[in-house]
Amino acid sequence: PRGVFSWALLRALGRLGGSATYRR
């Protein structure tokens, strides 16, 4: 079980990297 947003945000961080901006 996961919060859809938390899961999606951490997935985006893993895919785009820590240098990605908040907007991206």
PDBML (XML) file of the C-alpha atoms, coordinates in Angstrom:
<?xml version="1.0" encoding="UTF-8" ?>
<PDBx:datablock datablockName="MODEL"
   xmlns:PDBx="http://pdbml.pdb.org/schema/pdbx-v50.xsd"
   xmlns:xsi="http://www.w3.org/2001/XMLSchema-instance"
   xsi:schemaLocation="http://pdbml.pdb.org/schema/pdbx-v50.xsd pdbx-v50.xsd">
   <PDBx:atom_siteCategory>
      <PDBx:atom_site id="1">
         <PDBx:B_iso_or_equiv>0.00</PDBx:B_iso_or_equiv>
         <PDBx:Cartn_x>0.000</PDBx:Cartn_x>
         <PDBx:Cartn_y>0.000</PDBx:Cartn_y>
         <PDBx:Cartn_z>0.000</PDBx:Cartn_z>
         <PDBx:auth_asym_id>A</PDBx:auth_asym_id>
         <PDBx:auth_atom_id>CA</PDBx:auth_atom_id>
         <PDBx:auth_comp_id>PRO</PDBx:auth_comp_id>
         <PDBx:auth_seq_id>1</PDBx:auth_seq_id>
         <PDBx:group_PDB>ATOM</PDBx:group_PDB>
         <PDBx:label_alt_id xsi:nil="true" />
         <PDBx:label_asym_id>A</PDBx:label_asym_id>
         <PDBx:label_atom_id>CA</PDBx:label_atom_id>
         <PDBx:label_comp_id>PRO</PDBx:label_comp_id>
         <PDBx:label_entity_id>1</PDBx:label_entity_id>
         <PDBx:label_seq_id>1</PDBx:label_seq_id>
         <PDBx:occupancy>1.00</PDBx:occupancy>
         <PDBx:pdbx_PDB_model_num>1</PDBx:pdbx_PDB_model_num>
         <PDBx:type_symbol>C</PDBx:type_symbol>
      </PDBx:atom_site>
      <PDBx:atom_site id="2">
         <PDBx:B_iso_or_equiv>0.00</PDBx:B_iso_or_equiv>
         <PDBx:Cartn_x>1.315</PDBx:Cartn_x>
         <PDBx:Cartn_y>3.429</PDBx:Cartn_y>
         <PDBx:Cartn_z>-0.971</PDBx:Cartn_z>
         <PDBx:auth_asym_id>A</PDBx:auth_asym_id>
         <PDBx:auth_atom_id>CA</PDBx:auth_atom_id>
         <PDBx:auth_comp_id>ARG</PDBx:auth_comp_id>
         <PDBx:auth_seq_id>2</PDBx:auth_seq_id>
         <PDBx:group_PDB>ATOM</PDBx:group_PDB>
         <PDBx:label_alt_id xsi:nil="true" />
         <PDBx:label_asym_id>A</PDBx:label_asym_id>
         <PDBx:label_atom_id>CA</PDBx:label_atom_id>
         <PDBx:label_comp_id>ARG</PDBx:label_comp_id>
         <PDBx:label_entity_id>1</PDBx:label_entity_id>
         <PDBx:label_seq_id>2</PDBx:label_seq_id>
         <PDBx:occupancy>1.00</PDBx:occupancy>
         <PDBx:pdbx_PDB_model_num>1</PDBx:pdbx_PDB_model_num>
         <PDBx:type_symbol>C</PDBx:type_symbol>
      </PDBx:atom_site>
      <PDBx:atom_site id="3">
         <PDBx:B_iso_or_equiv>0.00</PDBx:B_iso_or_equiv>
         <PDBx:Cartn_x>0.165</PDBx:Cartn_x>
         <PDBx:Cartn_y>6.977</PDBx:Cartn_y>
         <PDBx:Cartn_z>-1.318</PDBx:Cartn_z>
         <PDBx:auth_asym_id>A</PDBx:auth_asym_id>
         <PDBx:auth_atom_id>CA</PDBx:auth_atom_id>
         <PDBx:auth_comp_id>GLY</PDBx:auth_comp_id>
         <PDBx:auth_seq_id>3</PDBx:auth_seq_id>
         <PDBx:group_PDB>ATOM</PDBx:group_PDB>
         <PDBx:label_alt_id xsi:nil="true" />
         <PDBx:label_asym_id>A</PDBx:label_asym_id>
         <PDBx:label_atom_id>CA</PDBx:label_atom_id>
         <PDBx:label_comp_id>GLY</PDBx:label_comp_id>
         <PDBx:label_entity_id>1</PDBx:label_entity_id>
         <PDBx:label_seq_id>3</PDBx:label_seq_id>
         <PDBx:occupancy>1.00</PDBx:occupancy>
         <PDBx:pdbx_PDB_model_num>1</PDBx:pdbx_PDB_model_num>
         <PDBx:type_symbol>C</PDBx:type_symbol>
      </PDBx:atom_site>
      <PDBx:atom_site id="4">
         <PDBx:B_iso_or_equiv>0.00</PDBx:B_iso_or_equiv>
         <PDBx:Cartn_x>-0.116</PDBx:Cartn_x>
         <PDBx:Cartn_y>7.481</PDBx:Cartn_y>
         <PDBx:Cartn_z>-5.063</PDBx:Cartn_z>
         <PDBx:auth_asym_id>A</PDBx:auth_asym_id>
         <PDBx:auth_atom_id>CA</PDBx:auth_atom_id>
         <PDBx:auth_comp_id>VAL</PDBx:auth_comp_id>
         <PDBx:auth_seq_id>4</PDBx:auth_seq_id>
         <PDBx:group_PDB>ATOM</PDBx:group_PDB>
         <PDBx:label_alt_id xsi:nil="true" />
         <PDBx:label_asym_id>A</PDBx:label_asym_id>
         <PDBx:label_atom_id>CA</PDBx:label_atom_id>
         <PDBx:label_comp_id>VAL</PDBx:label_comp_id>
         <PDBx:label_entity_id>1</PDBx:label_entity_id>
         <PDBx:label_seq_id>4</PDBx:label_seq_id>
         <PDBx:occupancy>1.00</PDBx:occupancy>
         <PDBx:pdbx_PDB_model_num>1</PDBx:pdbx_PDB_model_num>
         <PDBx:type_symbol>C</PDBx:type_symbol>
      </PDBx:atom_site>
      <PDBx:atom_site id="5">
         <PDBx:B_iso_or_equiv>0.00</PDBx:B_iso_or_equiv>
         <PDBx:Cartn_x>1.554</PDBx:Cartn_x>
         <PDBx:Cartn_y>10.893</PDBx:Cartn_y>
         <PDBx:Cartn_z>-4.897</PDBx:Cartn_z>
         <PDBx:auth_asym_id>A</PDBx:auth_asym_id>
         <PDBx:auth_atom_id>CA</PDBx:auth_atom_id>
         <PDBx:auth_comp_id>PHE</PDBx:auth_comp_id>
         <PDBx:auth_seq_id>5</PDBx:auth_seq_id>
         <PDBx:group_PDB>ATOM</PDBx:group_PDB>
         <PDBx:label_alt_id xsi:nil="true" />
         <PDBx:label_asym_id>A</PDBx:label_asym_id>
         <PDBx:label_atom_id>CA</PDBx:label_atom_id>
         <PDBx:label_comp_id>PHE</PDBx:label_comp_id>
         <PDBx:label_entity_id>1</PDBx:label_entity_id>
         <PDBx:label_seq_id>5</PDBx:label_seq_id>
         <PDBx:occupancy>1.00</PDBx:occupancy>
         <PDBx:pdbx_PDB_model_num>1</PDBx:pdbx_PDB_model_num>
         <PDBx:type_symbol>C</PDBx:type_symbol>
      </PDBx:atom_site>
      <PDBx:atom_site id="6">
         <PDBx:B_iso_or_equiv>0.00</PDBx:B_iso_or_equiv>
         <PDBx:Cartn_x>4.460</PDBx:Cartn_x>
         <PDBx:Cartn_y>9.824</PDBx:Cartn_y>
         <PDBx:Cartn_z>-2.645</PDBx:Cartn_z>
         <PDBx:auth_asym_id>A</PDBx:auth_asym_id>
         <PDBx:auth_atom_id>CA</PDBx:auth_atom_id>
         <PDBx:auth_comp_id>SER</PDBx:auth_comp_id>
         <PDBx:auth_seq_id>6</PDBx:auth_seq_id>
         <PDBx:group_PDB>ATOM</PDBx:group_PDB>
         <PDBx:label_alt_id xsi:nil="true" />
         <PDBx:label_asym_id>A</PDBx:label_asym_id>
         <PDBx:label_atom_id>CA</PDBx:label_atom_id>
         <PDBx:label_comp_id>SER</PDBx:label_comp_id>
         <PDBx:label_entity_id>1</PDBx:label_entity_id>
         <PDBx:label_seq_id>6</PDBx:label_seq_id>
         <PDBx:occupancy>1.00</PDBx:occupancy>
         <PDBx:pdbx_PDB_model_num>1</PDBx:pdbx_PDB_model_num>
         <PDBx:type_symbol>C</PDBx:type_symbol>
      </PDBx:atom_site>
      <PDBx:atom_site id="7">
         <PDBx:B_iso_or_equiv>0.00</PDBx:B_iso_or_equiv>
         <PDBx:Cartn_x>5.071</PDBx:Cartn_x>
         <PDBx:Cartn_y>6.820</PDBx:Cartn_y>
         <PDBx:Cartn_z>-4.880</PDBx:Cartn_z>
         <PDBx:auth_asym_id>A</PDBx:auth_asym_id>
         <PDBx:auth_atom_id>CA</PDBx:auth_atom_id>
         <PDBx:auth_comp_id>TRP</PDBx:auth_comp_id>
         <PDBx:auth_seq_id>7</PDBx:auth_seq_id>
         <PDBx:group_PDB>ATOM</PDBx:group_PDB>
         <PDBx:label_alt_id xsi:nil="true" />
         <PDBx:label_asym_id>A</PDBx:label_asym_id>
         <PDBx:label_atom_id>CA</PDBx:label_atom_id>
         <PDBx:label_comp_id>TRP</PDBx:label_comp_id>
         <PDBx:label_entity_id>1</PDBx:label_entity_id>
         <PDBx:label_seq_id>7</PDBx:label_seq_id>
         <PDBx:occupancy>1.00</PDBx:occupancy>
         <PDBx:pdbx_PDB_model_num>1</PDBx:pdbx_PDB_model_num>
         <PDBx:type_symbol>C</PDBx:type_symbol>
      </PDBx:atom_site>
      <PDBx:atom_site id="8">
         <PDBx:B_iso_or_equiv>0.00</PDBx:B_iso_or_equiv>
         <PDBx:Cartn_x>4.949</PDBx:Cartn_x>
         <PDBx:Cartn_y>8.962</PDBx:Cartn_y>
         <PDBx:Cartn_z>-8.034</PDBx:Cartn_z>
         <PDBx:auth_asym_id>A</PDBx:auth_asym_id>
         <PDBx:auth_atom_id>CA</PDBx:auth_atom_id>
         <PDBx:auth_comp_id>ALA</PDBx:auth_comp_id>
         <PDBx:auth_seq_id>8</PDBx:auth_seq_id>
         <PDBx:group_PDB>ATOM</PDBx:group_PDB>
         <PDBx:label_alt_id xsi:nil="true" />
         <PDBx:label_asym_id>A</PDBx:label_asym_id>
         <PDBx:label_atom_id>CA</PDBx:label_atom_id>
         <PDBx:label_comp_id>ALA</PDBx:label_comp_id>
         <PDBx:label_entity_id>1</PDBx:label_entity_id>
         <PDBx:label_seq_id>8</PDBx:label_seq_id>
         <PDBx:occupancy>1.00</PDBx:occupancy>
         <PDBx:pdbx_PDB_model_num>1</PDBx:pdbx_PDB_model_num>
         <PDBx:type_symbol>C</PDBx:type_symbol>
      </PDBx:atom_site>
      <PDBx:atom_site id="9">
         <PDBx:B_iso_or_equiv>0.00</PDBx:B_iso_or_equiv>
         <PDBx:Cartn_x>7.215</PDBx:Cartn_x>
         <PDBx:Cartn_y>11.677</PDBx:Cartn_y>
         <PDBx:Cartn_z>-6.591</PDBx:Cartn_z>
         <PDBx:auth_asym_id>A</PDBx:auth_asym_id>
         <PDBx:auth_atom_id>CA</PDBx:auth_atom_id>
         <PDBx:auth_comp_id>LEU</PDBx:auth_comp_id>
         <PDBx:auth_seq_id>9</PDBx:auth_seq_id>
         <PDBx:group_PDB>ATOM</PDBx:group_PDB>
         <PDBx:label_alt_id xsi:nil="true" />
         <PDBx:label_asym_id>A</PDBx:label_asym_id>
         <PDBx:label_atom_id>CA</PDBx:label_atom_id>
         <PDBx:label_comp_id>LEU</PDBx:label_comp_id>
         <PDBx:label_entity_id>1</PDBx:label_entity_id>
         <PDBx:label_seq_id>9</PDBx:label_seq_id>
         <PDBx:occupancy>1.00</PDBx:occupancy>
         <PDBx:pdbx_PDB_model_num>1</PDBx:pdbx_PDB_model_num>
         <PDBx:type_symbol>C</PDBx:type_symbol>
      </PDBx:atom_site>
      <PDBx:atom_site id="10">
         <PDBx:B_iso_or_equiv>0.00</PDBx:B_iso_or_equiv>
         <PDBx:Cartn_x>9.876</PDBx:Cartn_x>
         <PDBx:Cartn_y>9.202</PDBx:Cartn_y>
         <PDBx:Cartn_z>-5.455</PDBx:Cartn_z>
         <PDBx:auth_asym_id>A</PDBx:auth_asym_id>
         <PDBx:auth_atom_id>CA</PDBx:auth_atom_id>
         <PDBx:auth_comp_id>LEU</PDBx:auth_comp_id>
         <PDBx:auth_seq_id>10</PDBx:auth_seq_id>
         <PDBx:group_PDB>ATOM</PDBx:group_PDB>
         <PDBx:label_alt_id xsi:nil="true" />
         <PDBx:label_asym_id>A</PDBx:label_asym_id>
         <PDBx:label_atom_id>CA</PDBx:label_atom_id>
         <PDBx:label_comp_id>LEU</PDBx:label_comp_id>
         <PDBx:label_entity_id>1</PDBx:label_entity_id>
         <PDBx:label_seq_id>10</PDBx:label_seq_id>
         <PDBx:occupancy>1.00</PDBx:occupancy>
         <PDBx:pdbx_PDB_model_num>1</PDBx:pdbx_PDB_model_num>
         <PDBx:type_symbol>C</PDBx:type_symbol>
      </PDBx:atom_site>
      <PDBx:atom_site id="11">
         <PDBx:B_iso_or_equiv>0.00</PDBx:B_iso_or_equiv>
         <PDBx:Cartn_x>9.619</PDBx:Cartn_x>
         <PDBx:Cartn_y>7.460</PDBx:Cartn_y>
         <PDBx:Cartn_z>-8.821</PDBx:Cartn_z>
         <PDBx:auth_asym_id>A</PDBx:auth_asym_id>
         <PDBx:auth_atom_id>CA</PDBx:auth_atom_id>
         <PDBx:auth_comp_id>ARG</PDBx:auth_comp_id>
         <PDBx:auth_seq_id>11</PDBx:auth_seq_id>
         <PDBx:group_PDB>ATOM</PDBx:group_PDB>
         <PDBx:label_alt_id xsi:nil="true" />
         <PDBx:label_asym_id>A</PDBx:label_asym_id>
         <PDBx:label_atom_id>CA</PDBx:label_atom_id>
         <PDBx:label_comp_id>ARG</PDBx:label_comp_id>
         <PDBx:label_entity_id>1</PDBx:label_entity_id>
         <PDBx:label_seq_id>11</PDBx:label_seq_id>
         <PDBx:occupancy>1.00</PDBx:occupancy>
         <PDBx:pdbx_PDB_model_num>1</PDBx:pdbx_PDB_model_num>
         <PDBx:type_symbol>C</PDBx:type_symbol>
      </PDBx:atom_site>
      <PDBx:atom_site id="12">
         <PDBx:B_iso_or_equiv>0.00</PDBx:B_iso_or_equiv>
         <PDBx:Cartn_x>10.188</PDBx:Cartn_x>
         <PDBx:Cartn_y>10.800</PDBx:Cartn_y>
         <PDBx:Cartn_z>-10.567</PDBx:Cartn_z>
         <PDBx:auth_asym_id>A</PDBx:auth_asym_id>
         <PDBx:auth_atom_id>CA</PDBx:auth_atom_id>
         <PDBx:auth_comp_id>ALA</PDBx:auth_comp_id>
         <PDBx:auth_seq_id>12</PDBx:auth_seq_id>
         <PDBx:group_PDB>ATOM</PDBx:group_PDB>
         <PDBx:label_alt_id xsi:nil="true" />
         <PDBx:label_asym_id>A</PDBx:label_asym_id>
         <PDBx:label_atom_id>CA</PDBx:label_atom_id>
         <PDBx:label_comp_id>ALA</PDBx:label_comp_id>
         <PDBx:label_entity_id>1</PDBx:label_entity_id>
         <PDBx:label_seq_id>12</PDBx:label_seq_id>
         <PDBx:occupancy>1.00</PDBx:occupancy>
         <PDBx:pdbx_PDB_model_num>1</PDBx:pdbx_PDB_model_num>
         <PDBx:type_symbol>C</PDBx:type_symbol>
      </PDBx:atom_site>
      <PDBx:atom_site id="13">
         <PDBx:B_iso_or_equiv>0.00</PDBx:B_iso_or_equiv>
         <PDBx:Cartn_x>13.206</PDBx:Cartn_x>
         <PDBx:Cartn_y>11.474</PDBx:Cartn_y>
         <PDBx:Cartn_z>-8.322</PDBx:Cartn_z>
         <PDBx:auth_asym_id>A</PDBx:auth_asym_id>
         <PDBx:auth_atom_id>CA</PDBx:auth_atom_id>
         <PDBx:auth_comp_id>LEU</PDBx:auth_comp_id>
         <PDBx:auth_seq_id>13</PDBx:auth_seq_id>
         <PDBx:group_PDB>ATOM</PDBx:group_PDB>
         <PDBx:label_alt_id xsi:nil="true" />
         <PDBx:label_asym_id>A</PDBx:label_asym_id>
         <PDBx:label_atom_id>CA</PDBx:label_atom_id>
         <PDBx:label_comp_id>LEU</PDBx:label_comp_id>
         <PDBx:label_entity_id>1</PDBx:label_entity_id>
         <PDBx:label_seq_id>13</PDBx:label_seq_id>
         <PDBx:occupancy>1.00</PDBx:occupancy>
         <PDBx:pdbx_PDB_model_num>1</PDBx:pdbx_PDB_model_num>
         <PDBx:type_symbol>C</PDBx:type_symbol>
      </PDBx:atom_site>
      <PDBx:atom_site id="14">
         <PDBx:B_iso_or_equiv>0.00</PDBx:B_iso_or_equiv>
         <PDBx:Cartn_x>14.675</PDBx:Cartn_x>
         <PDBx:Cartn_y>8.096</PDBx:Cartn_y>
         <PDBx:Cartn_z>-9.182</PDBx:Cartn_z>
         <PDBx:auth_asym_id>A</PDBx:auth_asym_id>
         <PDBx:auth_atom_id>CA</PDBx:auth_atom_id>
         <PDBx:auth_comp_id>GLY</PDBx:auth_comp_id>
         <PDBx:auth_seq_id>14</PDBx:auth_seq_id>
         <PDBx:group_PDB>ATOM</PDBx:group_PDB>
         <PDBx:label_alt_id xsi:nil="true" />
         <PDBx:label_asym_id>A</PDBx:label_asym_id>
         <PDBx:label_atom_id>CA</PDBx:label_atom_id>
         <PDBx:label_comp_id>GLY</PDBx:label_comp_id>
         <PDBx:label_entity_id>1</PDBx:label_entity_id>
         <PDBx:label_seq_id>14</PDBx:label_seq_id>
         <PDBx:occupancy>1.00</PDBx:occupancy>
         <PDBx:pdbx_PDB_model_num>1</PDBx:pdbx_PDB_model_num>
         <PDBx:type_symbol>C</PDBx:type_symbol>
      </PDBx:atom_site>
      <PDBx:atom_site id="15">
         <PDBx:B_iso_or_equiv>0.00</PDBx:B_iso_or_equiv>
         <PDBx:Cartn_x>14.100</PDBx:Cartn_x>
         <PDBx:Cartn_y>8.635</PDBx:Cartn_y>
         <PDBx:Cartn_z>-12.893</PDBx:Cartn_z>
         <PDBx:auth_asym_id>A</PDBx:auth_asym_id>
         <PDBx:auth_atom_id>CA</PDBx:auth_atom_id>
         <PDBx:auth_comp_id>ARG</PDBx:auth_comp_id>
         <PDBx:auth_seq_id>15</PDBx:auth_seq_id>
         <PDBx:group_PDB>ATOM</PDBx:group_PDB>
         <PDBx:label_alt_id xsi:nil="true" />
         <PDBx:label_asym_id>A</PDBx:label_asym_id>
         <PDBx:label_atom_id>CA</PDBx:label_atom_id>
         <PDBx:label_comp_id>ARG</PDBx:label_comp_id>
         <PDBx:label_entity_id>1</PDBx:label_entity_id>
         <PDBx:label_seq_id>15</PDBx:label_seq_id>
         <PDBx:occupancy>1.00</PDBx:occupancy>
         <PDBx:pdbx_PDB_model_num>1</PDBx:pdbx_PDB_model_num>
         <PDBx:type_symbol>C</PDBx:type_symbol>
      </PDBx:atom_site>
      <PDBx:atom_site id="16">
         <PDBx:B_iso_or_equiv>0.00</PDBx:B_iso_or_equiv>
         <PDBx:Cartn_x>15.106</PDBx:Cartn_x>
         <PDBx:Cartn_y>12.296</PDBx:Cartn_y>
         <PDBx:Cartn_z>-13.216</PDBx:Cartn_z>
         <PDBx:auth_asym_id>A</PDBx:auth_asym_id>
         <PDBx:auth_atom_id>CA</PDBx:auth_atom_id>
         <PDBx:auth_comp_id>LEU</PDBx:auth_comp_id>
         <PDBx:auth_seq_id>16</PDBx:auth_seq_id>
         <PDBx:group_PDB>ATOM</PDBx:group_PDB>
         <PDBx:label_alt_id xsi:nil="true" />
         <PDBx:label_asym_id>A</PDBx:label_asym_id>
         <PDBx:label_atom_id>CA</PDBx:label_atom_id>
         <PDBx:label_comp_id>LEU</PDBx:label_comp_id>
         <PDBx:label_entity_id>1</PDBx:label_entity_id>
         <PDBx:label_seq_id>16</PDBx:label_seq_id>
         <PDBx:occupancy>1.00</PDBx:occupancy>
         <PDBx:pdbx_PDB_model_num>1</PDBx:pdbx_PDB_model_num>
         <PDBx:type_symbol>C</PDBx:type_symbol>
      </PDBx:atom_site>
      <PDBx:atom_site id="17">
         <PDBx:B_iso_or_equiv>0.00</PDBx:B_iso_or_equiv>
         <PDBx:Cartn_x>17.721</PDBx:Cartn_x>
         <PDBx:Cartn_y>12.492</PDBx:Cartn_y>
         <PDBx:Cartn_z>-10.463</PDBx:Cartn_z>
         <PDBx:auth_asym_id>A</PDBx:auth_asym_id>
         <PDBx:auth_atom_id>CA</PDBx:auth_atom_id>
         <PDBx:auth_comp_id>GLY</PDBx:auth_comp_id>
         <PDBx:auth_seq_id>17</PDBx:auth_seq_id>
         <PDBx:group_PDB>ATOM</PDBx:group_PDB>
         <PDBx:label_alt_id xsi:nil="true" />
         <PDBx:label_asym_id>A</PDBx:label_asym_id>
         <PDBx:label_atom_id>CA</PDBx:label_atom_id>
         <PDBx:label_comp_id>GLY</PDBx:label_comp_id>
         <PDBx:label_entity_id>1</PDBx:label_entity_id>
         <PDBx:label_seq_id>17</PDBx:label_seq_id>
         <PDBx:occupancy>1.00</PDBx:occupancy>
         <PDBx:pdbx_PDB_model_num>1</PDBx:pdbx_PDB_model_num>
         <PDBx:type_symbol>C</PDBx:type_symbol>
      </PDBx:atom_site>
      <PDBx:atom_site id="18">
         <PDBx:B_iso_or_equiv>0.00</PDBx:B_iso_or_equiv>
         <PDBx:Cartn_x>18.197</PDBx:Cartn_x>
         <PDBx:Cartn_y>14.845</PDBx:Cartn_y>
         <PDBx:Cartn_z>-7.538</PDBx:Cartn_z>
         <PDBx:auth_asym_id>A</PDBx:auth_asym_id>
         <PDBx:auth_atom_id>CA</PDBx:auth_atom_id>
         <PDBx:auth_comp_id>GLY</PDBx:auth_comp_id>
         <PDBx:auth_seq_id>18</PDBx:auth_seq_id>
         <PDBx:group_PDB>ATOM</PDBx:group_PDB>
         <PDBx:label_alt_id xsi:nil="true" />
         <PDBx:label_asym_id>A</PDBx:label_asym_id>
         <PDBx:label_atom_id>CA</PDBx:label_atom_id>
         <PDBx:label_comp_id>GLY</PDBx:label_comp_id>
         <PDBx:label_entity_id>1</PDBx:label_entity_id>
         <PDBx:label_seq_id>18</PDBx:label_seq_id>
         <PDBx:occupancy>1.00</PDBx:occupancy>
         <PDBx:pdbx_PDB_model_num>1</PDBx:pdbx_PDB_model_num>
         <PDBx:type_symbol>C</PDBx:type_symbol>
      </PDBx:atom_site>
      <PDBx:atom_site id="19">
         <PDBx:B_iso_or_equiv>0.00</PDBx:B_iso_or_equiv>
         <PDBx:Cartn_x>19.209</PDBx:Cartn_x>
         <PDBx:Cartn_y>17.700</PDBx:Cartn_y>
         <PDBx:Cartn_z>-9.874</PDBx:Cartn_z>
         <PDBx:auth_asym_id>A</PDBx:auth_asym_id>
         <PDBx:auth_atom_id>CA</PDBx:auth_atom_id>
         <PDBx:auth_comp_id>SER</PDBx:auth_comp_id>
         <PDBx:auth_seq_id>19</PDBx:auth_seq_id>
         <PDBx:group_PDB>ATOM</PDBx:group_PDB>
         <PDBx:label_alt_id xsi:nil="true" />
         <PDBx:label_asym_id>A</PDBx:label_asym_id>
         <PDBx:label_atom_id>CA</PDBx:label_atom_id>
         <PDBx:label_comp_id>SER</PDBx:label_comp_id>
         <PDBx:label_entity_id>1</PDBx:label_entity_id>
         <PDBx:label_seq_id>19</PDBx:label_seq_id>
         <PDBx:occupancy>1.00</PDBx:occupancy>
         <PDBx:pdbx_PDB_model_num>1</PDBx:pdbx_PDB_model_num>
         <PDBx:type_symbol>C</PDBx:type_symbol>
      </PDBx:atom_site>
      <PDBx:atom_site id="20">
         <PDBx:B_iso_or_equiv>0.00</PDBx:B_iso_or_equiv>
         <PDBx:Cartn_x>15.695</PDBx:Cartn_x>
         <PDBx:Cartn_y>17.890</PDBx:Cartn_y>
         <PDBx:Cartn_z>-11.348</PDBx:Cartn_z>
         <PDBx:auth_asym_id>A</PDBx:auth_asym_id>
         <PDBx:auth_atom_id>CA</PDBx:auth_atom_id>
         <PDBx:auth_comp_id>ALA</PDBx:auth_comp_id>
         <PDBx:auth_seq_id>20</PDBx:auth_seq_id>
         <PDBx:group_PDB>ATOM</PDBx:group_PDB>
         <PDBx:label_alt_id xsi:nil="true" />
         <PDBx:label_asym_id>A</PDBx:label_asym_id>
         <PDBx:label_atom_id>CA</PDBx:label_atom_id>
         <PDBx:label_comp_id>ALA</PDBx:label_comp_id>
         <PDBx:label_entity_id>1</PDBx:label_entity_id>
         <PDBx:label_seq_id>20</PDBx:label_seq_id>
         <PDBx:occupancy>1.00</PDBx:occupancy>
         <PDBx:pdbx_PDB_model_num>1</PDBx:pdbx_PDB_model_num>
         <PDBx:type_symbol>C</PDBx:type_symbol>
      </PDBx:atom_site>
      <PDBx:atom_site id="21">
         <PDBx:B_iso_or_equiv>0.00</PDBx:B_iso_or_equiv>
         <PDBx:Cartn_x>13.821</PDBx:Cartn_x>
         <PDBx:Cartn_y>21.046</PDBx:Cartn_y>
         <PDBx:Cartn_z>-10.427</PDBx:Cartn_z>
         <PDBx:auth_asym_id>A</PDBx:auth_asym_id>
         <PDBx:auth_atom_id>CA</PDBx:auth_atom_id>
         <PDBx:auth_comp_id>THR</PDBx:auth_comp_id>
         <PDBx:auth_seq_id>21</PDBx:auth_seq_id>
         <PDBx:group_PDB>ATOM</PDBx:group_PDB>
         <PDBx:label_alt_id xsi:nil="true" />
         <PDBx:label_asym_id>A</PDBx:label_asym_id>
         <PDBx:label_atom_id>CA</PDBx:label_atom_id>
         <PDBx:label_comp_id>THR</PDBx:label_comp_id>
         <PDBx:label_entity_id>1</PDBx:label_entity_id>
         <PDBx:label_seq_id>21</PDBx:label_seq_id>
         <PDBx:occupancy>1.00</PDBx:occupancy>
         <PDBx:pdbx_PDB_model_num>1</PDBx:pdbx_PDB_model_num>
         <PDBx:type_symbol>C</PDBx:type_symbol>
      </PDBx:atom_site>
      <PDBx:atom_site id="22">
         <PDBx:B_iso_or_equiv>0.00</PDBx:B_iso_or_equiv>
         <PDBx:Cartn_x>10.643</PDBx:Cartn_x>
         <PDBx:Cartn_y>21.050</PDBx:Cartn_y>
         <PDBx:Cartn_z>-8.380</PDBx:Cartn_z>
         <PDBx:auth_asym_id>A</PDBx:auth_asym_id>
         <PDBx:auth_atom_id>CA</PDBx:auth_atom_id>
         <PDBx:auth_comp_id>TYR</PDBx:auth_comp_id>
         <PDBx:auth_seq_id>22</PDBx:auth_seq_id>
         <PDBx:group_PDB>ATOM</PDBx:group_PDB>
         <PDBx:label_alt_id xsi:nil="true" />
         <PDBx:label_asym_id>A</PDBx:label_asym_id>
         <PDBx:label_atom_id>CA</PDBx:label_atom_id>
         <PDBx:label_comp_id>TYR</PDBx:label_comp_id>
         <PDBx:label_entity_id>1</PDBx:label_entity_id>
         <PDBx:label_seq_id>22</PDBx:label_seq_id>
         <PDBx:occupancy>1.00</PDBx:occupancy>
         <PDBx:pdbx_PDB_model_num>1</PDBx:pdbx_PDB_model_num>
         <PDBx:type_symbol>C</PDBx:type_symbol>
      </PDBx:atom_site>
      <PDBx:atom_site id="23">
         <PDBx:B_iso_or_equiv>0.00</PDBx:B_iso_or_equiv>
         <PDBx:Cartn_x>8.741</PDBx:Cartn_x>
         <PDBx:Cartn_y>22.114</PDBx:Cartn_y>
         <PDBx:Cartn_z>-11.485</PDBx:Cartn_z>
         <PDBx:auth_asym_id>A</PDBx:auth_asym_id>
         <PDBx:auth_atom_id>CA</PDBx:auth_atom_id>
         <PDBx:auth_comp_id>ARG</PDBx:auth_comp_id>
         <PDBx:auth_seq_id>23</PDBx:auth_seq_id>
         <PDBx:group_PDB>ATOM</PDBx:group_PDB>
         <PDBx:label_alt_id xsi:nil="true" />
         <PDBx:label_asym_id>A</PDBx:label_asym_id>
         <PDBx:label_atom_id>CA</PDBx:label_atom_id>
         <PDBx:label_comp_id>ARG</PDBx:label_comp_id>
         <PDBx:label_entity_id>1</PDBx:label_entity_id>
         <PDBx:label_seq_id>23</PDBx:label_seq_id>
         <PDBx:occupancy>1.00</PDBx:occupancy>
         <PDBx:pdbx_PDB_model_num>1</PDBx:pdbx_PDB_model_num>
         <PDBx:type_symbol>C</PDBx:type_symbol>
      </PDBx:atom_site>
      <PDBx:atom_site id="24">
         <PDBx:B_iso_or_equiv>0.00</PDBx:B_iso_or_equiv>
         <PDBx:Cartn_x>9.977</PDBx:Cartn_x>
         <PDBx:Cartn_y>19.138</PDBx:Cartn_y>
         <PDBx:Cartn_z>-13.545</PDBx:Cartn_z>
         <PDBx:auth_asym_id>A</PDBx:auth_asym_id>
         <PDBx:auth_atom_id>CA</PDBx:auth_atom_id>
         <PDBx:auth_comp_id>ARG</PDBx:auth_comp_id>
         <PDBx:auth_seq_id>24</PDBx:auth_seq_id>
         <PDBx:group_PDB>ATOM</PDBx:group_PDB>
         <PDBx:label_alt_id xsi:nil="true" />
         <PDBx:label_asym_id>A</PDBx:label_asym_id>
         <PDBx:label_atom_id>CA</PDBx:label_atom_id>
         <PDBx:label_comp_id>ARG</PDBx:label_comp_id>
         <PDBx:label_entity_id>1</PDBx:label_entity_id>
         <PDBx:label_seq_id>24</PDBx:label_seq_id>
         <PDBx:occupancy>1.00</PDBx:occupancy>
         <PDBx:pdbx_PDB_model_num>1</PDBx:pdbx_PDB_model_num>
         <PDBx:type_symbol>C</PDBx:type_symbol>
      </PDBx:atom_site>
   </PDBx:atom_siteCategory>
</PDBx:datablock>
